[in-house]
């Protein structure tokens, strides 16, 4: 009888852990920026915060052959300030820039 109780307890614990791991992940820390120049970062920040933005930018860098975030940024976390030509480099590599009208719409939301 004691073995059955122990089995039931372990089953309950495993089920609780499984259920907790299936829940939706948190968005993490929000992005510090509120005015976005790129669609990639804007969308990533909305979807998953700063961690998601870092993830998609690292993937973009790898895909485009950039070796360092410092190719376009003067400072990294938490504000990720761009070099004067950083946005231009991003666009030349195929990145999509947020249109002025889209920026206005984002601020209204």
N, C-alpha and C. Protein backbone atom coordinates (compact mmCIF):
# COMPACT_ATOMS: atom_id res chain seq x y z
N UNK A 1 0.82 -1.18 0.00
CA UNK A 1 0.00 0.00 0.00
C UNK A 1 0.88 1.25 0.00
N UNK A 2 1.99 1.25 0.72
CA UNK A 2 2.89 2.40 0.78
C UNK A 2 3.51 2.67 -0.59
N UNK A 3 3.80 1.59 -1.32
CA UNK A 3 4.37 1.76 -2.66
C UNK A 3 3.38 2.45 -3.59
N UNK A 4 2.10 2.14 -3.45
CA UNK A 4 1.08 2.76 -4.28
C UNK A 4 0.98 4.25 -3.98
N UNK A 5 1.07 4.62 -2.70
CA UNK A 5 1.04 6.04 -2.30
C UNK A 5 2.25 6.79 -2.85
N UNK A 6 3.42 6.17 -2.79
CA UNK A 6 4.64 6.79 -3.30
C UNK A 6 4.55 6.96 -4.82
N UNK A 7 4.01 5.94 -5.50
CA UNK A 7 3.83 6.02 -6.94
C UNK A 7 2.86 7.15 -7.31
N UNK A 8 1.78 7.26 -6.58
CA UNK A 8 0.80 8.32 -6.84
C UNK A 8 1.41 9.69 -6.61
N UNK A 9 2.22 9.85 -5.58
CA UNK A 9 2.88 11.13 -5.30
C UNK A 9 3.86 11.49 -6.40
N UNK A 10 4.67 10.53 -6.83
CA UNK A 10 5.63 10.79 -7.90
C UNK A 10 4.93 11.12 -9.21
N UNK A 11 3.84 10.43 -9.51
CA UNK A 11 3.08 10.69 -10.73
C UNK A 11 2.52 12.11 -10.70
N UNK A 12 2.01 12.53 -9.56
CA UNK A 12 1.47 13.88 -9.41
C UNK A 12 2.55 14.93 -9.62
N UNK A 13 3.73 14.71 -9.06
CA UNK A 13 4.84 15.65 -9.20
C UNK A 13 5.29 15.73 -10.66
N UNK A 14 5.43 14.60 -11.32
CA UNK A 14 5.84 14.58 -12.73
C UNK A 14 4.80 15.29 -13.59
N UNK A 15 3.53 15.04 -13.32
CA UNK A 15 2.46 15.69 -14.09
C UNK A 15 2.49 17.20 -13.87
N UNK A 16 2.71 17.63 -12.65
CA UNK A 16 2.77 19.08 -12.36
C UNK A 16 3.94 19.73 -13.07
N UNK A 17 5.08 19.09 -13.07
CA UNK A 17 6.26 19.64 -13.76
C UNK A 17 6.01 19.68 -15.26
N UNK A 18 5.42 18.64 -15.80
CA UNK A 18 5.12 18.61 -17.24
C UNK A 18 4.15 19.72 -17.62
N UNK A 19 3.12 19.91 -16.82
CA UNK A 19 2.14 20.96 -17.09
C UNK A 19 2.78 22.34 -17.02
N UNK A 20 3.64 22.55 -16.04
CA UNK A 20 4.30 23.85 -15.89
C UNK A 20 5.23 24.14 -17.06
N UNK A 21 5.88 23.12 -17.59
CA UNK A 21 6.80 23.34 -18.71
C UNK A 21 6.06 23.58 -20.01
N UNK A 22 4.79 23.22 -20.08
CA UNK A 22 4.00 23.44 -21.29
C UNK A 22 3.41 24.84 -21.34
N UNK A 23 3.42 25.55 -20.25
CA UNK A 23 2.83 26.88 -20.24
C UNK A 23 3.63 27.83 -21.11
N UNK A 24 3.01 28.88 -21.57
CA UNK A 24 3.63 29.83 -22.49
C UNK A 24 4.82 30.53 -21.82
N UNK A 25 5.96 30.63 -22.54
CA UNK A 25 7.12 31.29 -21.95
C UNK A 25 6.87 32.78 -21.76
N UNK A 26 7.53 33.33 -20.78
CA UNK A 26 7.36 34.77 -20.53
C UNK A 26 8.12 35.57 -21.58
N UNK A 27 7.73 36.82 -21.75
CA UNK A 27 8.35 37.67 -22.75
C UNK A 27 9.72 38.15 -22.32
N UNK A 28 10.07 37.93 -21.09
CA UNK A 28 11.37 38.38 -20.61
C UNK A 28 11.41 39.88 -20.44
N UNK A 29 12.61 40.42 -20.35
CA UNK A 29 12.76 41.86 -20.18
C UNK A 29 12.31 42.58 -21.44
N UNK A 30 11.56 43.62 -21.24
CA UNK A 30 11.10 44.43 -22.38
C UNK A 30 12.28 45.16 -22.99
N UNK A 31 12.17 45.47 -24.25
CA UNK A 31 13.21 46.24 -24.93
C UNK A 31 13.23 47.67 -24.35
N UNK A 32 14.40 48.22 -24.25
CA UNK A 32 14.56 49.58 -23.72
C UNK A 32 14.09 50.62 -24.72
N UNK A 33 14.27 50.32 -25.99
CA UNK A 33 13.82 51.24 -27.04
C UNK A 33 12.31 51.20 -27.18
N UNK A 34 11.75 52.32 -27.53
CA UNK A 34 10.33 52.38 -27.83
C UNK A 34 10.10 52.90 -29.25
N UNK A 35 11.15 53.44 -29.85
CA UNK A 35 11.10 53.95 -31.22
C UNK A 35 12.04 53.07 -32.05
N UNK A 36 11.47 52.32 -32.98
CA UNK A 36 12.26 51.34 -33.72
C UNK A 36 12.50 51.79 -35.15
N UNK A 37 13.72 51.55 -35.62
CA UNK A 37 14.09 51.87 -36.99
C UNK A 37 13.99 50.65 -37.91
N UNK A 38 14.01 49.45 -37.33
CA UNK A 38 13.99 48.24 -38.13
C UNK A 38 12.77 47.39 -37.80
N UNK A 39 12.21 46.78 -38.84
CA UNK A 39 11.06 45.90 -38.64
C UNK A 39 11.46 44.67 -37.83
N UNK A 40 12.65 44.15 -38.07
CA UNK A 40 13.12 42.94 -37.41
C UNK A 40 13.13 43.11 -35.89
N UNK A 41 13.74 44.18 -35.43
CA UNK A 41 13.85 44.41 -33.98
C UNK A 41 12.49 44.81 -33.40
N UNK A 42 11.76 45.64 -34.11
CA UNK A 42 10.43 46.06 -33.63
C UNK A 42 9.55 44.83 -33.38
N UNK A 43 9.49 43.94 -34.37
CA UNK A 43 8.63 42.77 -34.25
C UNK A 43 9.13 41.81 -33.18
N UNK A 44 10.45 41.66 -33.07
CA UNK A 44 11.02 40.78 -32.05
C UNK A 44 10.75 41.31 -30.65
N UNK A 45 10.86 42.61 -30.48
CA UNK A 45 10.60 43.20 -29.17
C UNK A 45 9.14 43.00 -28.76
N UNK A 46 8.25 43.12 -29.71
CA UNK A 46 6.83 42.90 -29.42
C UNK A 46 6.57 41.44 -29.05
N UNK A 47 7.26 40.53 -29.72
CA UNK A 47 7.02 39.10 -29.53
C UNK A 47 7.69 38.52 -28.30
N UNK A 48 8.89 39.01 -27.97
CA UNK A 48 9.61 38.35 -26.90
C UNK A 48 10.60 39.19 -26.14
N UNK A 49 10.50 40.49 -26.27
CA UNK A 49 11.37 41.37 -25.49
C UNK A 49 12.81 41.38 -25.97
N UNK A 50 13.67 41.83 -25.08
CA UNK A 50 15.07 42.03 -25.42
C UNK A 50 15.78 40.74 -25.82
N UNK A 51 15.47 39.64 -25.17
CA UNK A 51 16.12 38.37 -25.51
C UNK A 51 15.78 37.94 -26.94
N UNK A 52 14.53 38.12 -27.33
CA UNK A 52 14.12 37.76 -28.70
C UNK A 52 14.80 38.68 -29.72
N UNK A 53 14.90 39.97 -29.39
CA UNK A 53 15.57 40.90 -30.30
C UNK A 53 17.04 40.52 -30.49
N UNK A 54 17.71 40.16 -29.40
CA UNK A 54 19.11 39.73 -29.51
C UNK A 54 19.22 38.47 -30.36
N UNK A 55 18.30 37.56 -30.15
CA UNK A 55 18.31 36.29 -30.89
C UNK A 55 18.16 36.53 -32.40
N UNK A 56 17.20 37.36 -32.79
CA UNK A 56 16.99 37.58 -34.23
C UNK A 56 18.13 38.39 -34.84
N UNK A 57 18.70 39.32 -34.10
CA UNK A 57 19.82 40.09 -34.64
C UNK A 57 21.07 39.23 -34.77
N UNK A 58 21.30 38.32 -33.83
CA UNK A 58 22.44 37.41 -33.95
C UNK A 58 22.27 36.51 -35.18
N UNK A 59 21.04 36.05 -35.42
CA UNK A 59 20.77 35.23 -36.61
C UNK A 59 20.98 36.05 -37.88
N UNK A 60 20.55 37.31 -37.88
CA UNK A 60 20.75 38.20 -39.03
C UNK A 60 22.24 38.38 -39.28
N UNK A 61 23.00 38.64 -38.23
CA UNK A 61 24.45 38.82 -38.37
C UNK A 61 25.11 37.58 -38.96
N UNK A 62 24.72 36.42 -38.47
CA UNK A 62 25.30 35.17 -38.96
C UNK A 62 24.95 34.96 -40.43
N UNK A 63 23.69 35.19 -40.77
CA UNK A 63 23.24 35.03 -42.15
C UNK A 63 23.96 35.98 -43.11
N UNK A 64 24.26 37.19 -42.65
CA UNK A 64 24.87 38.20 -43.50
C UNK A 64 26.39 38.23 -43.39
N UNK A 65 26.95 37.38 -42.53
CA UNK A 65 28.40 37.29 -42.42
C UNK A 65 29.06 38.37 -41.56
N UNK A 66 28.29 39.02 -40.72
CA UNK A 66 28.88 40.02 -39.81
C UNK A 66 29.51 39.29 -38.63
N UNK A 67 30.67 39.73 -38.24
CA UNK A 67 31.39 39.05 -37.17
C UNK A 67 31.05 39.60 -35.78
N UNK A 68 30.56 40.84 -35.72
CA UNK A 68 30.35 41.46 -34.42
C UNK A 68 29.18 42.43 -34.45
N UNK A 69 28.49 42.53 -33.35
CA UNK A 69 27.41 43.52 -33.20
C UNK A 69 27.99 44.93 -33.29
N UNK A 70 29.26 45.05 -32.92
CA UNK A 70 29.92 46.35 -32.93
C UNK A 70 30.19 46.88 -34.33
N UNK A 71 29.88 46.10 -35.36
CA UNK A 71 29.97 46.61 -36.73
C UNK A 71 28.97 47.75 -36.93
N UNK A 72 27.82 47.66 -36.25
CA UNK A 72 26.76 48.66 -36.42
C UNK A 72 26.44 49.45 -35.13
N UNK A 73 26.79 48.88 -33.98
CA UNK A 73 26.45 49.51 -32.69
C UNK A 73 27.67 50.09 -31.99
N UNK A 74 27.50 51.28 -31.40
CA UNK A 74 28.57 51.86 -30.59
C UNK A 74 28.54 51.30 -29.18
N UNK A 75 27.34 51.01 -28.69
CA UNK A 75 27.15 50.42 -27.36
C UNK A 75 26.15 49.30 -27.48
N UNK A 76 26.30 48.30 -26.62
CA UNK A 76 25.35 47.20 -26.63
C UNK A 76 24.36 47.39 -25.46
N UNK A 77 24.06 46.33 -24.75
CA UNK A 77 23.01 46.37 -23.72
C UNK A 77 23.21 47.54 -22.77
N UNK A 78 22.16 48.16 -22.33
CA UNK A 78 20.76 47.85 -22.60
C UNK A 78 20.15 48.66 -23.74
N UNK A 79 20.85 49.68 -24.26
CA UNK A 79 20.21 50.58 -25.23
C UNK A 79 20.58 50.31 -26.69
N UNK A 80 21.68 49.63 -26.93
CA UNK A 80 22.11 49.26 -28.29
C UNK A 80 22.16 50.46 -29.24
N UNK A 81 22.91 51.47 -28.83
CA UNK A 81 23.03 52.68 -29.65
C UNK A 81 23.74 52.36 -30.96
N UNK A 82 23.22 52.94 -32.04
CA UNK A 82 23.78 52.69 -33.37
C UNK A 82 24.91 53.66 -33.70
N UNK A 83 25.84 53.18 -34.52
CA UNK A 83 26.84 54.06 -35.11
C UNK A 83 26.12 54.93 -36.14
N UNK A 84 26.72 56.06 -36.52
CA UNK A 84 26.07 56.94 -37.50
C UNK A 84 25.67 56.23 -38.80
N UNK A 85 26.45 55.23 -39.22
CA UNK A 85 26.13 54.51 -40.45
C UNK A 85 25.55 53.12 -40.20
N UNK A 86 25.21 52.82 -38.96
CA UNK A 86 24.71 51.49 -38.61
C UNK A 86 23.43 51.11 -39.32
N UNK A 87 22.48 52.03 -39.35
CA UNK A 87 21.21 51.74 -40.01
C UNK A 87 21.40 51.58 -41.52
N UNK A 88 22.28 52.39 -42.07
CA UNK A 88 22.58 52.31 -43.51
C UNK A 88 23.20 50.94 -43.84
N UNK A 89 24.13 50.47 -43.01
CA UNK A 89 24.73 49.14 -43.22
C UNK A 89 23.67 48.05 -43.17
N UNK A 90 22.78 48.17 -42.18
CA UNK A 90 21.71 47.18 -42.01
C UNK A 90 20.84 47.11 -43.27
N UNK A 91 20.48 48.26 -43.78
CA UNK A 91 19.63 48.32 -44.96
C UNK A 91 20.35 47.76 -46.19
N UNK A 92 21.64 48.06 -46.34
CA UNK A 92 22.41 47.53 -47.47
C UNK A 92 22.51 46.01 -47.43
N UNK A 93 22.46 45.45 -46.22
CA UNK A 93 22.51 44.00 -46.06
C UNK A 93 21.15 43.34 -46.30
N UNK A 94 20.14 44.16 -46.56
CA UNK A 94 18.82 43.61 -46.86
C UNK A 94 17.81 43.75 -45.75
N UNK A 95 18.19 44.39 -44.66
CA UNK A 95 17.25 44.59 -43.55
C UNK A 95 16.17 45.60 -43.91
N UNK A 96 14.98 45.39 -43.40
CA UNK A 96 13.86 46.28 -43.69
C UNK A 96 13.76 47.38 -42.64
N UNK A 97 13.65 48.60 -43.13
CA UNK A 97 13.56 49.78 -42.28
C UNK A 97 12.08 50.09 -42.04
N UNK A 98 11.77 50.55 -40.83
CA UNK A 98 10.40 50.95 -40.50
C UNK A 98 10.09 52.26 -41.21
N UNK A 99 9.00 52.29 -41.91
CA UNK A 99 8.58 53.51 -42.62
C UNK A 99 8.08 54.53 -41.61
N UNK A 100 8.19 55.81 -41.95
CA UNK A 100 7.77 56.87 -41.04
C UNK A 100 6.31 56.73 -40.62
N UNK A 101 5.44 56.35 -41.55
CA UNK A 101 4.02 56.17 -41.22
C UNK A 101 3.81 55.05 -40.21
N UNK A 102 4.61 53.97 -40.34
CA UNK A 102 4.51 52.86 -39.40
C UNK A 102 4.95 53.28 -38.00
N UNK A 103 5.95 54.16 -37.91
CA UNK A 103 6.40 54.65 -36.61
C UNK A 103 5.28 55.42 -35.92
N UNK A 104 4.57 56.25 -36.70
CA UNK A 104 3.46 57.01 -36.13
C UNK A 104 2.37 56.08 -35.61
N UNK A 105 2.08 55.03 -36.39
CA UNK A 105 1.06 54.07 -35.99
C UNK A 105 1.45 53.33 -34.72
N UNK A 106 2.75 52.98 -34.59
CA UNK A 106 3.23 52.29 -33.40
C UNK A 106 3.06 53.13 -32.15
N UNK A 107 3.30 54.43 -32.27
CA UNK A 107 3.19 55.31 -31.12
C UNK A 107 1.74 55.50 -30.68
N UNK A 108 0.79 55.35 -31.61
CA UNK A 108 -0.62 55.50 -31.27
C UNK A 108 -1.12 54.31 -30.47
N UNK A 109 -0.50 53.14 -30.65
CA UNK A 109 -0.97 51.90 -30.00
C UNK A 109 -0.63 51.85 -28.55
